[in-house]
Amino acid sequence: MFFGGRSTALFLVSVVFAFFFAACSESFTDPRDGQSYDIVQIGSQTWMAENLNFEAEGSACPEGENSNCSRYGRLYTWDMARTVCPEGWHLPDSADFEKLIASAGGADVAGYALKSTSGWFKKGNGSDDYGFNALPAGYRQGNGRFDGIGGYAHIWSAVETPDGLAYYMLLDFSIKAAKLSAFGKDEARSVRCVK
């Protein structure tokens, strides 16, 4: 009888904790299509904790597979990315990414802290310490070829380089760092909106 009571008490405590944590999670519903996104506060910023999955003309699902959109979100060229965030949100600029990386422990370890705990190949998973849940959606090259799913998260920035490229935050399965890199605007990459 005592053991059964103890099991019941443990079960009730588990239910209370699950309810508490579920009640504390926040989400945002995009009024354009009704999709809901988890959001997370990191430092002074509010970030979507999922890649944007708004279907804009010319956007693509990773690897060209519709089923990948629900897990990884959609991929957008830079021109699309600049306009695709919902009202009240924006595509992060370099300063937004610098704040995020600093809040996540600095450039040398932020990649590990921001990456999801599963889905990255070759033991490249992260700790997801902040609930950012970065997933390796890969990218689509300008020639239409997909690459990098399972290995890389490329998240567009709103900032251009002086030579006509555009910055994005790069998370890589093989390193713990997070960094800004730049590539052609005709490539399609993930979008995380911030406010």
C-alpha atoms as a PDB file:
ATOM      1  CA  MET A   1       0.000   0.000   0.000  1.00  0.00           C
ATOM      2  CA  PHE A   2       2.800   2.444   0.882  1.00  0.00           C
ATOM      3  CA  PHE A   3       4.582   1.786  -2.425  1.00  0.00           C
ATOM      4  CA  GLY A   4       1.363   2.393  -4.371  1.00  0.00           C
ATOM      5  CA  GLY A   5       0.843   5.664  -2.514  1.00  0.00           C
ATOM      6  CA  ARG A   6       4.387   6.720  -3.228  1.00  0.00           C
ATOM      7  CA  SER A   7       3.959   5.932  -6.938  1.00  0.00           C
ATOM      8  CA  THR A   8       0.758   7.943  -7.028  1.00  0.00           C
ATOM      9  CA  ALA A   9       2.464  10.887  -5.323  1.00  0.00           C
ATOM     10  CA  LEU A  10       5.366  10.762  -7.787  1.00  0.00           C
ATOM     11  CA  PHE A  11       2.909  10.617 -10.664  1.00  0.00           C
ATOM     12  CA  LEU A  12       1.024  13.661  -9.353  1.00  0.00           C
ATOM     13  CA  VAL A  13       4.249  15.618  -8.873  1.00  0.00           C
ATOM     14  CA  SER A  14       5.239  14.756 -12.473  1.00  0.00           C
ATOM     15  CA  VAL A  15       1.873  15.947 -13.764  1.00  0.00           C
ATOM     16  CA  VAL A  16       2.156  19.226 -11.826  1.00  0.00           C
ATOM     17  CA  PHE A  17       5.667  19.873 -13.186  1.00  0.00           C
ATOM     18  CA  ALA A  18       4.590  19.026 -16.744  1.00  0.00           C
ATOM     19  CA  PHE A  19       1.630  21.388 -16.433  1.00  0.00           C
ATOM     20  CA  PHE A  20       3.815  24.142 -14.962  1.00  0.00           C
ATOM     21  CA  PHE A  21       6.395  23.932 -17.746  1.00  0.00           C
ATOM     22  CA  ALA A  22       3.730  23.691 -20.453  1.00  0.00           C
ATOM     23  CA  ALA A  23       1.966  26.710 -18.997  1.00  0.00           C
ATOM     24  CA  CYS A  24       5.245  28.677 -18.991  1.00  0.00           C
ATOM     25  CA  SER A  25       6.049  28.019 -22.632  1.00  0.00           C
ATOM     26  CA  GLU A  26       5.116  30.788 -24.992  1.00  0.00           C
ATOM     27  CA  SER A  27       4.043  30.731 -28.581  1.00  0.00           C
ATOM     28  CA  PHE A  28       3.094  33.069 -31.387  1.00  0.00           C
ATOM     29  CA  THR A  29       0.464  32.381 -34.048  1.00  0.00           C
ATOM     30  CA  ASP A  30       1.152  33.891 -37.453  1.00  0.00           C
ATOM     31  CA  PRO A  31      -2.124  35.552 -38.512  1.00  0.00           C
ATOM     32  CA  ARG A  32      -1.227  35.116 -42.205  1.00  0.00           C
ATOM     33  CA  ASP A  33      -1.553  31.319 -42.173  1.00  0.00           C
ATOM     34  CA  GLY A  34      -2.433  30.258 -38.609  1.00  0.00           C
ATOM     35  CA  GLN A  35       0.873  28.472 -37.975  1.00  0.00           C
ATOM     36  CA  SER A  36       2.054  28.544 -34.382  1.00  0.00           C
ATOM     37  CA  TYR A  37       5.706  29.027 -33.387  1.00  0.00           C
ATOM     38  CA  ASP A  38       7.361  28.519 -30.035  1.00  0.00           C
ATOM     39  CA  ILE A  39       9.144  31.668 -28.893  1.00  0.00           C
ATOM     40  CA  VAL A  40      11.943  32.115 -26.382  1.00  0.00           C
ATOM     41  CA  GLN A  41      13.457  35.023 -24.469  1.00  0.00           C
ATOM     42  CA  ILE A  42      17.268  35.048 -24.692  1.00  0.00           C
ATOM     43  CA  GLY A  43      18.861  37.992 -22.966  1.00  0.00           C
ATOM     44  CA  SER A  44      16.825  41.057 -23.932  1.00  0.00           C
ATOM     45  CA  GLN A  45      15.564  39.544 -27.196  1.00  0.00           C
ATOM     46  CA  THR A  46      12.511  37.475 -28.098  1.00  0.00           C
ATOM     47  CA  TRP A  47      13.277  34.901 -30.814  1.00  0.00           C
ATOM     48  CA  MET A  48      11.185  32.391 -32.666  1.00  0.00           C
ATOM     49  CA  ALA A  49      12.358  29.018 -31.388  1.00  0.00           C
ATOM     50  CA  GLU A  50      11.589  27.445 -34.761  1.00  0.00           C
ATOM     51  CA  ASN A  51      12.526  28.237 -38.336  1.00  0.00           C
ATOM     52  CA  LEU A  52       9.877  30.196 -40.188  1.00  0.00           C
ATOM     53  CA  ASN A  53       7.551  28.030 -42.280  1.00  0.00           C
ATOM     54  CA  PHE A  54       5.490  30.673 -44.065  1.00  0.00           C
ATOM     55  CA  GLU A  55       4.876  29.639 -47.671  1.00  0.00           C
ATOM     56  CA  ALA A  56       6.047  32.502 -49.868  1.00  0.00           C
ATOM     57  CA  GLU A  57       6.314  32.211 -53.634  1.00  0.00           C
ATOM     58  CA  GLY A  58       9.763  30.823 -54.460  1.00  0.00           C
ATOM     59  CA  SER A  59      10.458  29.449 -50.971  1.00  0.00           C
ATOM     60  CA  ALA A  60      11.349  25.770 -50.665  1.00  0.00           C
ATOM     61  CA  CYS A  61      11.263  22.873 -48.263  1.00  0.00           C
ATOM     62  CA  PRO A  62      14.693  21.454 -47.394  1.00  0.00           C
ATOM     63  CA  GLU A  63      15.785  18.794 -49.881  1.00  0.00           C
ATOM     64  CA  GLY A  64      12.671  19.679 -51.914  1.00  0.00           C
ATOM     65  CA  GLU A  65      10.549  17.399 -49.685  1.00  0.00           C
ATOM     66  CA  ASN A  66       7.272  18.864 -48.390  1.00  0.00           C
ATOM     67  CA  SER A  67       7.520  16.742 -45.241  1.00  0.00           C
ATOM     68  CA  ASN A  68      10.735  18.561 -44.280  1.00  0.00           C
ATOM     69  CA  CYS A  69       8.950  21.910 -43.979  1.00  0.00           C
ATOM     70  CA  SER A  70       7.091  20.902 -40.818  1.00  0.00           C
ATOM     71  CA  ARG A  71      10.356  19.946 -39.084  1.00  0.00           C
ATOM     72  CA  TYR A  72      12.879  22.403 -40.544  1.00  0.00           C
ATOM     73  CA  GLY A  73      10.780  25.304 -41.810  1.00  0.00           C
ATOM     74  CA  ARG A  74      11.160  26.743 -45.299  1.00  0.00           C
ATOM     75  CA  LEU A  75      14.227  28.080 -47.098  1.00  0.00           C
ATOM     76  CA  TYR A  76      14.182  31.621 -48.548  1.00  0.00           C
ATOM     77  CA  THR A  77      16.438  33.667 -50.781  1.00  0.00           C
ATOM     78  CA  TRP A  78      17.773  36.815 -49.131  1.00  0.00           C
ATOM     79  CA  ASP A  79      15.307  39.093 -50.920  1.00  0.00           C
ATOM     80  CA  MET A  80      12.408  36.944 -49.698  1.00  0.00           C
ATOM     81  CA  ALA A  81      13.875  36.675 -46.201  1.00  0.00           C
ATOM     82  CA  ARG A  82      13.896  40.459 -45.803  1.00  0.00           C
ATOM     83  CA  THR A  83      10.099  40.631 -46.149  1.00  0.00           C
ATOM     84  CA  VAL A  84       8.798  37.298 -44.856  1.00  0.00           C
ATOM     85  CA  CYS A  85       8.727  37.844 -41.059  1.00  0.00           C
ATOM     86  CA  PRO A  86       5.256  38.527 -39.623  1.00  0.00           C
ATOM     87  CA  GLU A  87       4.237  42.046 -38.589  1.00  0.00           C
ATOM     88  CA  GLY A  88       5.947  43.019 -35.336  1.00  0.00           C
ATOM     89  CA  TRP A  89       8.922  40.734 -36.048  1.00  0.00           C
ATOM     90  CA  HIS A  90      11.992  41.332 -38.186  1.00  0.00           C
ATOM     91  CA  LEU A  91      14.850  39.529 -39.861  1.00  0.00           C
ATOM     92  CA  PRO A  92      17.806  39.794 -37.465  1.00  0.00           C
ATOM     93  CA  ASP A  93      20.642  42.141 -38.316  1.00  0.00           C
ATOM     94  CA  SER A  94      24.270  41.683 -37.296  1.00  0.00           C
ATOM     95  CA  ALA A  95      23.684  43.406 -33.954  1.00  0.00           C
ATOM     96  CA  ASP A  96      20.802  41.014 -33.164  1.00  0.00           C
ATOM     97  CA  PHE A  97      23.032  38.014 -33.877  1.00  0.00           C
ATOM     98  CA  GLU A  98      25.907  39.495 -31.876  1.00  0.00           C
ATOM     99  CA  LYS A  99      23.580  39.916 -28.852  1.00  0.00           C
ATOM    100  CA  LEU A 100      22.275  36.366 -29.282  1.00  0.00           C
ATOM    101  CA  ILE A 101      25.769  34.892 -29.510  1.00  0.00           C
ATOM    102  CA  ALA A 102      26.962  36.900 -26.489  1.00  0.00           C
ATOM    103  CA  SER A 103      23.909  35.812 -24.454  1.00  0.00           C
ATOM    104  CA  ALA A 104      24.608  32.176 -25.384  1.00  0.00           C
ATOM    105  CA  GLY A 105      28.141  32.228 -23.963  1.00  0.00           C
ATOM    106  CA  GLY A 106      30.175  33.860 -26.722  1.00  0.00           C
ATOM    107  CA  ALA A 107      31.218  32.903 -30.237  1.00  0.00           C
ATOM    108  CA  ASP A 108      33.345  29.890 -29.229  1.00  0.00           C
ATOM    109  CA  VAL A 109      30.484  27.964 -27.551  1.00  0.00           C
ATOM    110  CA  ALA A 110      27.221  29.596 -28.676  1.00  0.00           C
ATOM    111  CA  GLY A 111      26.692  27.120 -31.517  1.00  0.00           C
ATOM    112  CA  TYR A 112      26.600  24.201 -29.086  1.00  0.00           C
ATOM    113  CA  ALA A 113      24.288  26.095 -26.714  1.00  0.00           C
ATOM    114  CA  LEU A 114      21.846  27.061 -29.515  1.00  0.00           C
ATOM    115  CA  LYS A 115      21.730  23.776 -31.459  1.00  0.00           C
ATOM    116  CA  SER A 116      18.927  21.273 -30.842  1.00  0.00           C
ATOM    117  CA  THR A 117      19.687  18.154 -28.824  1.00  0.00           C
ATOM    118  CA  SER A 118      18.950  15.876 -31.787  1.00  0.00           C
ATOM    119  CA  GLY A 119      18.927  15.860 -35.572  1.00  0.00           C
ATOM    120  CA  TRP A 120      22.569  16.766 -36.216  1.00  0.00           C
ATOM    121  CA  PHE A 121      24.770  14.091 -37.727  1.00  0.00           C
ATOM    122  CA  LYS A 122      28.161  12.776 -36.547  1.00  0.00           C
ATOM    123  CA  LYS A 123      27.449  13.580 -32.882  1.00  0.00           C
ATOM    124  CA  GLY A 124      26.992  17.238 -33.738  1.00  0.00           C
ATOM    125  CA  ASN A 125      23.955  17.764 -31.500  1.00  0.00           C
ATOM    126  CA  GLY A 126      23.945  20.701 -29.136  1.00  0.00           C
ATOM    127  CA  SER A 127      22.711  21.282 -25.599  1.00  0.00           C
ATOM    128  CA  ASP A 128      19.878  23.699 -26.518  1.00  0.00           C
ATOM    129  CA  ASP A 129      20.528  25.526 -23.239  1.00  0.00           C
ATOM    130  CA  TYR A 130      18.317  28.483 -24.176  1.00  0.00           C
ATOM    131  CA  GLY A 131      15.454  26.786 -26.025  1.00  0.00           C
ATOM    132  CA  PHE A 132      16.541  28.230 -29.405  1.00  0.00           C
ATOM    133  CA  ASN A 133      16.359  24.719 -30.903  1.00  0.00           C
ATOM    134  CA  ALA A 134      18.455  25.370 -34.022  1.00  0.00           C
ATOM    135  CA  LEU A 135      17.952  22.583 -36.550  1.00  0.00           C
ATOM    136  CA  PRO A 136      20.252  21.672 -39.457  1.00  0.00           C
ATOM    137  CA  ALA A 137      17.963  22.526 -42.372  1.00  0.00           C
ATOM    138  CA  GLY A 138      20.854  22.980 -44.783  1.00  0.00           C
ATOM    139  CA  TYR A 139      20.379  25.292 -47.753  1.00  0.00           C
ATOM    140  CA  ARG A 140      19.532  25.467 -51.447  1.00  0.00           C
ATOM    141  CA  GLN A 141      22.236  26.667 -53.799  1.00  0.00           C
ATOM    142  CA  GLY A 142      21.549  29.235 -56.501  1.00  0.00           C
ATOM    143  CA  ASN A 143      21.490  26.414 -59.085  1.00  0.00           C
ATOM    144  CA  GLY A 144      18.618  24.719 -57.201  1.00  0.00           C
ATOM    145  CA  ARG A 145      20.713  21.958 -55.625  1.00  0.00           C
ATOM    146  CA  PHE A 146      20.068  21.254 -51.939  1.00  0.00           C
ATOM    147  CA  ASP A 147      22.900  20.587 -49.516  1.00  0.00           C
ATOM    148  CA  GLY A 148      23.762  20.433 -45.838  1.00  0.00           C
ATOM    149  CA  ILE A 149      20.614  18.998 -44.254  1.00  0.00           C
ATOM    150  CA  GLY A 150      21.631  17.316 -40.987  1.00  0.00           C
ATOM    151  CA  GLY A 151      24.904  19.231 -40.863  1.00  0.00           C
ATOM    152  CA  TYR A 152      24.351  22.974 -41.074  1.00  0.00           C
ATOM    153  CA  ALA A 153      21.988  25.697 -39.931  1.00  0.00           C
ATOM    154  CA  HIS A 154      22.257  28.851 -42.050  1.00  0.00           C
ATOM    155  CA  ILE A 155      20.033  31.624 -40.709  1.00  0.00           C
ATOM    156  CA  TRP A 156      19.762  34.794 -42.792  1.00  0.00           C
ATOM    157  CA  SER A 157      20.719  38.236 -41.527  1.00  0.00           C
ATOM    158  CA  ALA A 158      19.238  41.457 -42.892  1.00  0.00           C
ATOM    159  CA  VAL A 159      22.737  42.857 -43.571  1.00  0.00           C
ATOM    160  CA  GLU A 160      24.590  42.958 -46.889  1.00  0.00           C
ATOM    161  CA  THR A 161      28.347  42.872 -47.300  1.00  0.00           C
ATOM    162  CA  PRO A 162      30.100  45.685 -49.196  1.00  0.00           C
ATOM    163  CA  ASP A 163      30.701  43.289 -52.113  1.00  0.00           C
ATOM    164  CA  GLY A 164      27.013  42.388 -52.573  1.00  0.00           C
ATOM    165  CA  LEU A 165      26.759  39.187 -50.521  1.00  0.00           C
ATOM    166  CA  ALA A 166      24.545  38.809 -47.437  1.00  0.00           C
ATOM    167  CA  TYR A 167      25.406  37.665 -43.922  1.00  0.00           C
ATOM    168  CA  TYR A 168      23.917  34.664 -42.160  1.00  0.00           C
ATOM    169  CA  MET A 169      24.574  32.939 -38.846  1.00  0.00           C
ATOM    170  CA  LEU A 170      26.307  29.611 -39.381  1.00  0.00           C
ATOM    171  CA  LEU A 171      25.982  26.652 -37.014  1.00  0.00           C
ATOM    172  CA  ASP A 172      27.997  23.587 -38.023  1.00  0.00           C
ATOM    173  CA  PHE A 173      27.748  19.971 -36.838  1.00  0.00           C
ATOM    174  CA  SER A 174      31.530  19.763 -36.410  1.00  0.00           C
ATOM    175  CA  ILE A 175      32.135  22.798 -34.174  1.00  0.00           C
ATOM    176  CA  LYS A 176      30.701  24.382 -31.030  1.00  0.00           C
ATOM    177  CA  ALA A 177      31.065  27.932 -32.343  1.00  0.00           C
ATOM    178  CA  ALA A 178      28.502  30.255 -33.898  1.00  0.00           C
ATOM    179  CA  LYS A 179      29.650  32.782 -36.439  1.00  0.00           C
ATOM    180  CA  LEU A 180      28.480  35.139 -39.125  1.00  0.00           C
ATOM    181  CA  SER A 181      29.418  34.184 -42.648  1.00  0.00           C
ATOM    182  CA  ALA A 182      28.381  35.578 -46.031  1.00  0.00           C
ATOM    183  CA  PHE A 183      27.256  34.097 -49.313  1.00  0.00           C
ATOM    184  CA  GLY A 184      25.210  34.840 -52.406  1.00  0.00           C
ATOM    185  CA  LYS A 185      21.730  36.275 -51.998  1.00  0.00           C
ATOM    186  CA  ASP A 186      20.270  33.839 -54.543  1.00  0.00           C
ATOM    187  CA  GLU A 187      20.857  30.893 -52.218  1.00  0.00           C
ATOM    188  CA  ALA A 188      17.948  29.849 -49.990  1.00  0.00           C
ATOM    189  CA  ARG A 189      18.507  29.623 -46.241  1.00  0.00           C
ATOM    190  CA  SER A 190      16.459  29.478 -43.036  1.00  0.00           C
ATOM    191  CA  VAL A 191      14.816  32.440 -41.322  1.00  0.00           C
ATOM    192  CA  ARG A 192      14.447  33.075 -37.595  1.00  0.00           C
ATOM    193  CA  CYS A 193      12.480  36.177 -36.752  1.00  0.00           C
ATOM    194  CA  VAL A 194      13.219  38.325 -33.691  1.00  0.00           C
ATOM    195  CA  LYS A 195      11.627  41.242 -31.870  1.00  0.00           C
END
